[in-house]
Protein backbone atom coordinates (compact mmCIF):
# COMPACT_ATOMS: atom_id res chain seq x y z
CA UNK A 1 2.29 -35.30 52.18
CA UNK A 2 0.33 -33.13 48.98
CA UNK A 3 1.62 -30.10 50.88
CA UNK A 4 5.03 -30.92 51.70
CA UNK A 5 5.36 -32.48 48.04
CA UNK A 6 3.77 -29.08 46.46
CA UNK A 7 6.06 -26.74 48.33
CA UNK A 8 9.01 -28.93 47.67
CA UNK A 9 8.32 -29.00 44.05
CA UNK A 10 8.14 -25.42 43.74
CA UNK A 11 11.48 -24.65 44.70
CA UNK A 12 12.89 -27.18 42.46
CA UNK A 13 11.18 -26.18 39.30
CA UNK A 14 12.96 -22.60 39.96
CA UNK A 15 15.83 -23.88 40.61
CA UNK A 16 15.97 -26.28 37.43
CA UNK A 17 14.27 -23.62 35.43
CA UNK A 18 17.34 -21.32 36.42
CA UNK A 19 19.89 -23.69 35.79
CA UNK A 20 18.57 -24.57 32.16
CA UNK A 21 18.33 -20.61 31.97
CA UNK A 22 22.05 -20.29 33.06
CA UNK A 23 23.25 -23.21 30.46
CA UNK A 24 21.67 -21.40 27.59
CA UNK A 25 23.51 -18.38 28.20
CA UNK A 26 26.65 -20.04 28.80
CA UNK A 27 26.85 -21.59 25.72
CA UNK A 28 27.96 -18.32 23.58
CA UNK A 29 31.32 -18.86 25.52
CA UNK A 30 32.09 -21.38 23.10
CA UNK A 31 32.52 -21.59 19.66
CA UNK A 32 31.57 -24.79 18.28
CA UNK A 33 29.02 -27.28 18.89
CA UNK A 34 31.67 -29.71 20.17
CA UNK A 35 33.00 -27.92 22.40
CA UNK A 36 29.57 -27.17 23.88
CA UNK A 37 28.09 -30.78 24.28
CA UNK A 38 28.87 -30.69 27.81
CA UNK A 39 26.38 -27.78 28.21
CA UNK A 40 23.84 -29.28 26.45
CA UNK A 41 23.91 -32.28 28.57
CA UNK A 42 23.23 -30.21 31.63
CA UNK A 43 20.84 -28.68 29.59
CA UNK A 44 18.50 -31.58 29.03
CA UNK A 45 19.37 -32.99 32.26
CA UNK A 46 17.50 -29.72 33.68
CA UNK A 47 14.67 -29.88 31.16
CA UNK A 48 13.65 -33.09 32.42
CA UNK A 49 13.69 -32.05 35.77
CA UNK A 50 12.07 -29.45 35.12
CA UNK A 51 9.08 -31.48 33.53
CA UNK A 52 9.40 -34.37 36.50
CA UNK A 53 8.73 -31.67 38.84
CA UNK A 54 5.81 -30.18 37.70
CA UNK A 55 4.09 -33.42 37.24
CA UNK A 56 5.16 -34.50 40.59
CA UNK A 57 3.11 -31.51 41.56
CA UNK A 58 0.19 -32.17 39.31
CA UNK A 59 -0.44 -35.58 40.50
CA UNK A 60 0.04 -34.42 44.30
CA UNK A 61 -2.76 -32.12 43.47
CA UNK A 62 -5.08 -34.20 41.54
CA UNK A 63 -4.42 -37.62 42.89
CA UNK A 64 -4.69 -38.93 38.87
CA UNK A 65 -2.27 -41.35 37.86
CA UNK A 66 -3.00 -40.99 34.66
CA UNK A 67 -0.69 -37.70 34.84
CA UNK A 68 1.89 -39.87 35.61
CA UNK A 69 1.61 -42.30 32.09
CA UNK A 70 1.38 -38.34 30.56
CA UNK A 71 4.63 -37.65 31.49
CA UNK A 72 6.29 -41.06 30.66
CA UNK A 73 4.94 -40.19 27.05
CA UNK A 74 6.13 -36.68 26.76
CA UNK A 75 9.20 -37.62 27.64
CA UNK A 76 9.90 -39.71 25.61
CA UNK A 77 8.80 -37.76 22.62
CA UNK A 78 10.98 -34.60 23.86
CA UNK A 79 14.08 -37.13 24.71
CA UNK A 80 13.50 -38.76 20.92
CA UNK A 81 13.39 -35.21 19.34
CA UNK A 82 16.59 -33.98 20.67
CA UNK A 83 18.51 -37.21 20.46
CA UNK A 84 17.14 -37.83 16.21
CA UNK A 85 17.96 -33.81 15.62
CA UNK A 86 21.77 -34.65 16.71
CA UNK A 87 21.74 -38.14 15.37
CA UNK A 88 20.02 -36.82 11.70
CA UNK A 89 21.74 -33.46 11.86
CA UNK A 90 24.87 -33.14 13.05
CA UNK A 91 25.68 -29.67 12.01
CA UNK A 92 22.87 -28.08 13.09
CA UNK A 93 22.30 -25.94 16.23
CA UNK A 94 21.59 -27.74 19.49
CA UNK A 95 20.48 -24.89 21.77
CA UNK A 96 17.72 -23.99 19.44
CA UNK A 97 16.44 -27.63 19.51
CA UNK A 98 17.01 -27.61 22.87
CA UNK A 99 15.23 -24.47 23.63
CA UNK A 100 12.16 -25.07 21.14
CA UNK A 101 11.94 -28.60 23.61
CA UNK A 102 12.11 -26.49 26.99
CA UNK A 103 9.34 -24.26 25.65
CA UNK A 104 6.84 -27.06 24.16
CA UNK A 105 7.25 -29.15 27.53
CA UNK A 106 5.86 -25.46 29.59
CA UNK A 107 3.05 -24.88 27.20
CA UNK A 108 1.93 -28.86 27.43
CA UNK A 109 2.32 -29.12 31.21
CA UNK A 110 0.39 -25.54 31.50
CA UNK A 111 -2.13 -26.18 28.89
CA UNK A 112 -3.11 -29.84 30.66
CA UNK A 113 -3.07 -27.77 34.19
CA UNK A 114 -5.98 -25.39 32.54
CA UNK A 115 -7.64 -28.25 30.67
CA UNK A 116 -6.75 -31.97 29.79
CA UNK A 117 -8.69 -32.31 26.55
CA UNK A 118 -6.63 -29.12 25.05
CA UNK A 119 -3.35 -30.34 26.56
CA UNK A 120 -3.87 -33.65 25.03
CA UNK A 121 -4.81 -31.57 21.48
CA UNK A 122 -1.75 -29.83 21.90
CA UNK A 123 0.52 -32.46 22.57
CA UNK A 124 -0.55 -35.10 19.06
CA UNK A 125 -0.18 -31.47 16.83
CA UNK A 126 3.03 -30.72 18.43
CA UNK A 127 4.40 -34.08 18.01
CA UNK A 128 3.16 -34.27 14.79
CA UNK A 129 4.74 -31.17 14.10
CA UNK A 130 7.91 -32.35 15.33
CA UNK A 131 7.83 -35.71 13.02
CA UNK A 132 7.63 -33.00 9.71
CA UNK A 133 10.37 -30.74 11.34
CA UNK A 134 12.69 -33.55 10.74
CA UNK A 135 12.11 -33.46 6.71
CA UNK A 136 11.95 -29.41 6.43
CA UNK A 137 15.61 -28.94 6.82
CA UNK A 138 16.45 -31.60 3.83
CA UNK A 139 13.55 -30.20 1.77
CA UNK A 140 15.04 -26.46 2.22
CA UNK A 141 18.34 -27.84 1.12
CA UNK A 142 16.74 -29.64 -2.11
CA UNK A 143 14.58 -27.07 -3.36
CA UNK A 144 17.09 -24.87 -3.68
CA UNK A 145 15.12 -23.21 -6.13
CA UNK A 146 13.06 -21.36 -3.81
CA UNK A 147 15.36 -18.82 -3.27
CA UNK A 148 14.52 -17.00 -6.76
CA UNK A 149 10.49 -17.58 -6.56
CA UNK A 150 10.08 -14.04 -4.27
CA UNK A 151 7.03 -12.70 -5.96
CA UNK A 152 5.39 -16.18 -6.85
CA UNK A 153 5.49 -16.01 -2.46
CA UNK A 154 4.31 -13.08 -2.73
CA UNK A 155 1.49 -13.64 -4.39
CA UNK A 156 0.35 -17.11 -2.42
CA UNK A 157 0.66 -14.68 0.81
CA UNK A 158 -2.21 -12.01 -0.48
CA UNK A 159 -4.10 -14.84 -2.18
CA UNK A 160 -4.61 -16.51 1.21
CA UNK A 161 -5.29 -13.74 3.00
CA UNK A 162 -7.90 -12.88 0.39
CA UNK A 163 -9.65 -15.76 0.62
CA UNK A 164 -9.54 -15.56 4.72
CA UNK A 165 -10.84 -12.01 4.56
CA UNK A 166 -14.14 -13.19 2.08
CA UNK A 167 -14.76 -16.83 3.44
CA UNK A 168 -13.01 -16.82 7.06
CA UNK A 169 -14.71 -17.34 10.16
CA UNK A 170 -14.60 -14.85 12.94
CA UNK A 171 -13.25 -16.22 16.53
CA UNK A 172 -13.13 -13.06 19.68
CA UNK A 173 -13.61 -10.22 16.93
CA UNK A 174 -10.93 -11.50 13.96
CA UNK A 175 -11.43 -12.94 10.92
CA UNK A 176 -8.96 -15.45 11.34
CA UNK A 177 -10.26 -18.95 11.11
CA UNK A 178 -11.21 -21.60 8.80
CA UNK A 179 -13.40 -24.87 9.99
CA UNK A 180 -13.09 -27.85 8.05
CA UNK A 181 -14.58 -31.42 8.84
CA UNK A 182 -14.71 -29.99 12.57
CA UNK A 183 -10.55 -28.53 12.66
CA UNK A 184 -10.64 -25.08 13.29
CA UNK A 185 -7.23 -23.58 11.98
CA UNK A 186 -5.88 -20.08 11.13
CA UNK A 187 -3.95 -20.25 7.83
CA UNK A 188 -2.37 -16.34 8.20
CA UNK A 189 0.01 -17.81 10.81
CA UNK A 190 1.22 -19.90 7.66
CA UNK A 191 1.53 -16.89 5.30
CA UNK A 192 4.14 -15.94 8.00
CA UNK A 193 6.49 -18.27 6.72
CA UNK A 194 5.48 -17.55 3.00
CA UNK A 195 5.93 -13.92 3.91
CA UNK A 196 9.25 -14.13 5.08
CA UNK A 197 10.23 -15.91 1.80
CA UNK A 198 9.16 -13.75 -0.31
CA UNK A 199 11.02 -10.61 1.58
CA UNK A 200 14.25 -12.89 1.89
CA UNK A 201 14.06 -13.92 -1.85
CA UNK A 202 13.75 -10.76 -3.68
CA UNK A 203 15.74 -8.60 -1.17
CA UNK A 204 18.64 -11.22 -2.05
CA UNK A 205 18.28 -10.97 -5.27
CA UNK A 206 18.35 -6.98 -5.84
CA UNK A 207 18.58 -3.51 -3.86
CA UNK A 208 17.71 -1.20 -6.16
CA UNK A 209 14.91 1.41 -5.30
CA UNK A 210 12.73 -0.12 -7.99
CA UNK A 211 13.03 -3.61 -6.51
CA UNK A 212 12.57 -2.33 -2.51
CA UNK A 213 9.54 0.27 -3.96
CA UNK A 214 7.76 -3.00 -5.46
CA UNK A 215 8.15 -5.21 -2.32
CA UNK A 216 7.12 -2.22 0.16
CA UNK A 217 4.08 -2.01 -2.18
CA UNK A 218 3.29 -6.13 -1.72
CA UNK A 219 4.48 -6.10 1.79
CA UNK A 220 1.73 -3.12 2.65
CA UNK A 221 -0.82 -5.44 1.03
CA UNK A 222 -0.29 -7.76 3.17
CA UNK A 223 -0.51 -5.53 6.42
CA UNK A 224 -3.65 -3.27 5.07
CA UNK A 225 -5.66 -6.72 4.70
CA UNK A 226 -4.37 -8.12 7.95
CA UNK A 227 -6.11 -4.63 9.28
CA UNK A 228 -8.77 -5.56 7.67
CA UNK A 229 -9.01 -9.00 9.27
CA UNK A 230 -8.92 -7.23 12.41
CA UNK A 231 -5.78 -9.35 13.21
CA UNK A 232 -3.74 -6.69 14.70
CA UNK A 233 -0.83 -8.24 15.98
CA UNK A 234 -0.39 -9.66 13.11
CA UNK A 235 -0.18 -7.10 10.97
CA UNK A 236 1.99 -5.41 13.42
CA UNK A 237 4.20 -8.70 12.75
CA UNK A 238 4.64 -8.52 9.15
CA UNK A 239 5.50 -4.48 9.38
CA UNK A 240 8.25 -4.96 11.48
CA UNK A 241 9.42 -7.87 9.73
CA UNK A 242 9.75 -6.13 6.86
CA UNK A 243 11.13 -2.83 8.14
CA UNK A 244 14.27 -4.92 9.96
CA UNK A 245 14.78 -7.35 6.85
CA UNK A 246 14.73 -4.78 4.46
CA UNK A 247 17.51 -2.61 6.64
CA UNK A 248 19.63 -5.63 6.91
CA UNK A 249 19.60 -6.10 3.45
CA UNK A 250 20.03 -2.41 2.21
CA UNK A 251 22.23 -1.42 5.15
CA UNK A 252 20.01 2.11 4.53
CA UNK A 253 18.52 4.50 7.30
CA UNK A 254 16.58 6.08 4.31
CA UNK A 255 14.55 3.24 4.46
CA UNK A 256 14.47 2.23 8.44
CA UNK A 257 13.25 6.22 8.97
CA UNK A 258 11.09 6.24 6.52
CA UNK A 259 9.18 2.81 7.61
CA UNK A 260 9.34 4.01 10.89
CA UNK A 261 7.71 6.78 9.93
CA UNK A 262 4.71 5.73 7.82
CA UNK A 263 4.31 3.06 10.52
CA UNK A 264 3.88 5.67 12.55
CA UNK A 265 1.31 7.96 10.57
CA UNK A 266 -0.66 4.29 10.01
CA UNK A 267 -1.18 3.92 13.27
CA UNK A 268 -2.55 7.07 14.31
CA UNK A 269 -5.04 6.55 11.37
CA UNK A 270 -5.79 2.88 12.47
CA UNK A 271 -6.65 4.41 15.68
CA UNK A 272 -8.63 7.22 14.44
CA UNK A 273 -10.63 4.92 11.81
CA UNK A 274 -11.20 1.25 13.58
CA UNK A 275 -13.44 1.47 16.87
CA UNK A 276 -11.70 -1.84 17.81
CA UNK A 277 -8.28 -0.08 18.02
CA UNK A 278 -9.58 2.41 20.33
CA UNK A 279 -11.16 0.32 22.79
CA UNK A 280 -7.95 -1.66 22.90
CA UNK A 281 -5.50 1.22 23.63
CA UNK A 282 -8.58 2.62 26.43
CA UNK A 283 -8.56 -0.96 28.17
CA UNK A 284 -4.52 -0.61 28.00
CA UNK A 285 -3.89 3.14 29.10
CA UNK A 286 -6.90 3.02 32.19
CA UNK A 287 -8.34 -0.78 32.24
CA UNK A 288 -9.25 0.00 35.88
CA UNK A 289 -12.45 2.56 34.98
CA UNK A 290 -13.27 -0.55 32.80
CA UNK A 291 -12.82 -3.40 34.85
CA UNK A 292 -16.00 -4.81 34.29
CA UNK A 293 -16.07 -4.62 30.29
CA UNK A 294 -13.15 -3.76 28.17
CA UNK A 295 -10.46 -3.91 30.94
CA UNK A 296 -11.40 -7.05 32.78
CA UNK A 297 -9.06 -9.28 30.98
CA UNK A 298 -5.99 -6.90 31.69
CA UNK A 299 -6.49 -6.20 35.19
CA UNK A 300 -7.15 -10.17 36.17
CA UNK A 301 -3.87 -10.79 34.30
CA UNK A 302 -1.72 -8.16 36.54
CA UNK A 303 -3.84 -9.65 39.41
CA UNK A 304 -2.06 -13.31 38.50
CA UNK A 305 1.39 -12.22 37.85
CA UNK A 306 1.50 -9.80 41.03
CA UNK A 307 -0.45 -12.92 43.15
CA UNK A 308 2.10 -15.28 41.90
CA UNK A 309 5.39 -13.79 43.87
CA UNK A 310 8.52 -15.69 42.89
CA UNK A 311 8.15 -18.87 43.87
CA UNK A 312 4.51 -19.20 42.30
CA UNK A 313 1.08 -20.68 43.77
CA UNK A 314 2.08 -24.17 42.70
CA UNK A 315 0.35 -25.93 39.91
CA UNK A 316 -3.82 -25.90 40.81
CA UNK A 317 -2.95 -23.37 43.42
CA UNK A 318 -3.87 -20.14 41.47
CA UNK A 319 -6.80 -19.17 39.22
CA UNK A 320 -5.60 -19.06 35.94
CA UNK A 321 -9.39 -19.92 34.47
CA UNK A 322 -10.49 -16.35 35.52
CA UNK A 323 -8.62 -14.59 32.89
CA UNK A 324 -10.93 -15.13 29.78
CA UNK A 325 -9.09 -17.14 26.62
CA UNK A 326 -6.05 -17.51 29.19
CA UNK A 327 -4.52 -20.55 27.26
CA UNK A 328 -4.45 -18.64 24.09
CA UNK A 329 -3.66 -15.23 25.25
CA UNK A 330 -2.48 -14.89 28.66
CA UNK A 331 -0.25 -17.79 28.97
CA UNK A 332 2.39 -15.78 30.71
CA UNK A 333 0.06 -14.55 33.27
CA UNK A 334 -0.82 -17.93 34.08
CA UNK A 335 2.72 -19.02 34.51
CA UNK A 336 3.67 -15.95 36.41
CA UNK A 337 0.96 -16.88 38.84
CA UNK A 338 1.69 -20.73 39.57
CA UNK A 339 4.72 -20.96 38.77
CA UNK A 340 6.46 -17.67 39.85
CA UNK A 341 7.97 -14.53 38.92
CA UNK A 342 11.45 -15.82 38.74
CA UNK A 343 10.43 -19.07 36.79
CA UNK A 344 8.19 -16.60 34.07
CA UNK A 345 11.42 -14.41 33.88
CA UNK A 346 13.67 -17.55 32.99
CA UNK A 347 10.90 -18.40 29.97
CA UNK A 348 11.52 -15.31 28.89
CA UNK A 349 15.38 -15.23 28.95
CA UNK A 350 15.12 -18.38 27.38
CA UNK A 351 13.49 -16.93 24.18
CA UNK A 352 16.11 -14.18 23.92
CA UNK A 353 18.46 -16.47 23.92
CA UNK A 354 17.23 -18.52 21.10
CA UNK A 355 16.36 -15.28 19.14
CA UNK A 356 20.14 -14.43 19.66
CA UNK A 357 21.76 -17.57 18.56
CA UNK A 358 19.65 -17.44 15.39
CA UNK A 359 21.17 -14.04 14.87
CA UNK A 360 24.41 -15.67 14.97
CA UNK A 361 23.52 -18.36 13.11
CA UNK A 362 22.35 -15.71 10.01
CA UNK A 363 25.50 -14.09 10.71
CA UNK A 364 27.75 -16.76 9.71
CA UNK A 365 25.71 -17.63 6.47
CA UNK A 366 27.17 -16.21 3.57
CA UNK A 367 24.26 -16.76 1.30
CA UNK A 368 22.24 -13.51 1.35
CA UNK A 369 19.23 -15.15 0.81
CA UNK A 370 19.43 -17.87 3.55
CA UNK A 371 20.65 -14.86 5.78
CA UNK A 372 17.77 -12.91 5.28
CA UNK A 373 15.81 -15.21 5.81
CA UNK A 374 16.62 -16.45 9.30
CA UNK A 375 16.96 -12.97 10.40
CA UNK A 376 13.70 -12.72 9.40
CA UNK A 377 11.81 -15.75 10.76
CA UNK A 378 13.95 -14.56 14.25
CA UNK A 379 12.57 -11.22 13.80
CA UNK A 380 9.17 -13.13 13.57
CA UNK A 381 9.85 -15.12 16.44
CA UNK A 382 10.89 -12.54 19.31
CA UNK A 383 8.53 -10.02 17.89
CA UNK A 384 5.30 -12.26 18.97
CA UNK A 385 6.84 -13.15 22.09
CA UNK A 386 7.60 -9.64 22.82
CA UNK A 387 3.50 -8.62 21.64
CA UNK A 388 2.47 -11.02 23.66
CA UNK A 389 4.35 -10.57 27.36
CA UNK A 390 4.30 -6.80 26.49
CA UNK A 391 0.19 -7.28 26.28
CA UNK A 392 0.31 -9.36 29.49
CA UNK A 393 2.02 -7.26 31.37
CA UNK A 394 -0.01 -3.62 30.59
CA UNK A 395 3.56 -2.44 28.70
CA UNK A 396 1.77 -2.01 25.44
CA UNK A 397 -2.01 -2.46 24.36
CA UNK A 398 -3.09 -6.28 24.07
CA UNK A 399 -2.83 -7.13 20.26
CA UNK A 400 -4.27 -10.98 20.63
CA UNK A 401 -1.27 -13.06 19.95
CA UNK A 402 0.09 -16.22 21.12
CA UNK A 403 3.44 -16.88 22.99
CA UNK A 404 5.19 -19.22 20.85
CA UNK A 405 5.32 -23.00 21.70
CA UNK A 406 3.77 -22.00 24.79
CA UNK A 407 -0.11 -20.60 24.53
CA UNK A 408 -2.60 -23.29 23.25
CA UNK A 409 -3.38 -23.25 19.34
CA UNK A 410 -2.30 -26.27 16.92
CA UNK A 411 -1.71 -23.62 13.81
CA UNK A 412 0.35 -21.47 15.55
CA UNK A 413 2.85 -24.51 17.36
CA UNK A 414 3.03 -26.13 14.13
CA UNK A 415 4.10 -23.02 11.84
CA UNK A 416 6.80 -21.87 14.75
CA UNK A 417 8.22 -25.47 14.71
CA UNK A 418 8.41 -25.57 11.26
CA UNK A 419 10.36 -21.54 11.43
CA UNK A 420 12.48 -23.68 13.58
CA UNK A 421 13.15 -26.15 11.66
CA UNK A 422 13.77 -23.90 8.61
CA UNK A 423 16.81 -21.93 10.54
CA UNK A 424 18.50 -25.82 11.46
CA UNK A 425 18.16 -26.27 7.57
CA UNK A 426 19.77 -22.75 6.66
CA UNK A 427 22.97 -23.82 9.68
CA UNK A 428 23.02 -27.42 7.69
CA UNK A 429 23.30 -26.17 4.57
CA UNK A 430 25.90 -23.52 6.12
CA UNK A 431 28.23 -26.16 7.12
CA UNK A 432 27.47 -29.49 5.27
CA UNK A 433 30.54 -29.39 2.54
CA UNK A 434 28.17 -31.62 0.64
CA UNK A 435 25.81 -29.24 0.54
CA UNK A 436 27.90 -26.55 -0.50
CA UNK A 437 29.60 -28.78 -3.29
CA UNK A 438 25.71 -29.49 -4.77
CA UNK A 439 24.71 -25.64 -4.63
CA UNK A 440 28.11 -25.08 -6.91
CA UNK A 441 27.15 -27.42 -9.21
CA UNK A 442 23.40 -26.16 -9.46
CA UNK A 443 24.64 -22.56 -10.00
CA UNK A 444 27.14 -23.34 -12.17
CA UNK A 445 24.40 -25.48 -14.50
CA UNK A 446 22.11 -22.61 -14.26
CA UNK A 447 25.14 -19.79 -15.47
CA UNK A 448 25.78 -22.31 -18.42
CA UNK A 449 22.31 -22.46 -19.30
CA UNK A 450 22.05 -18.65 -19.21
CA UNK A 451 25.35 -18.70 -21.90
């Protein structure tokens, strides 16, 4: 009986995930959230069908009733999140929220399958972060003065990174972690948001050469400290985000090409100066010759991706734990092995649809700060997805970053949820006439004070 349930649920999981992905792109054919409402309903049905089929497979394989109660609790949290966001912020973008919940659901299922204890911790942190996310859109509106505090954000970001450099704990070769009262967190994840606020604020107020030079120097300080921390993935994210936001703000190909040239030179220097960079490049170029050492992770990842086939081996059918740090750095490989290439490809497509929707929302925002903020947060998200999946599939060298909302890591999940809620906040500011009037009165008061 268990065998039949496992085999049938494999196709149900892939089918419902495929349907959800189809609806994620169908929404772009309709303008306005009201005209998309029926698509969102079908999305939600597909989401919970995927979740139910996954837990049926887990229960069939383990025989443990505790997973049934976990299914009920997780479904209740996700359903409450989707419905409450729509009720509290009716002008927000529902695709972004639905996709966020889908990715959270996939991540919690896979982490629970690998380690039940870690799965519970991830669920608790995700639930607390979702509660926090309800407040952030309103705070973004109320704290409108943040638009003019760019250099303050730069100072805060550099200060936090400096403290990590001096007092941080080394985790997997990188000095990125703090432990307080037995809890571990990674402050550089929070700096991602602070950093985007910094560049969006400064470049929205002024775009002359002097401002760009100062902003570039401060952004370079962030990147250099991250390199010294050996957090190469975050350093690369910070560099690419700044370059893209700078191009959107100035529309200057000179700055874009200059940044690409500077980044290329910096990459060569980093390879020459840092042995750990050389090891990762060597493991990427030919992992088979070092399969018992530096190439072990990537070769095991490739075995997992290829071993799953189209439909996957089923939950508990593979051996994802054979990959070191699988729940943090190689979740894409674990998903491809047990849920199949079709499921993993759909997950990537959902990430892409989320990014496209963020860019569309950014395009609609008339306020320069809001447009740059959404652009920066969107690029931060999608480039991190690219680094993770590219590293797991040997497309690029490993960078050690997590798959947003899916991989294990409380700080990463919390920060990504906050990023999405900030984007929802900008959708709110753009669409709500009450907020527009409030901002107008604030600006008139500021101008009157200057006179």
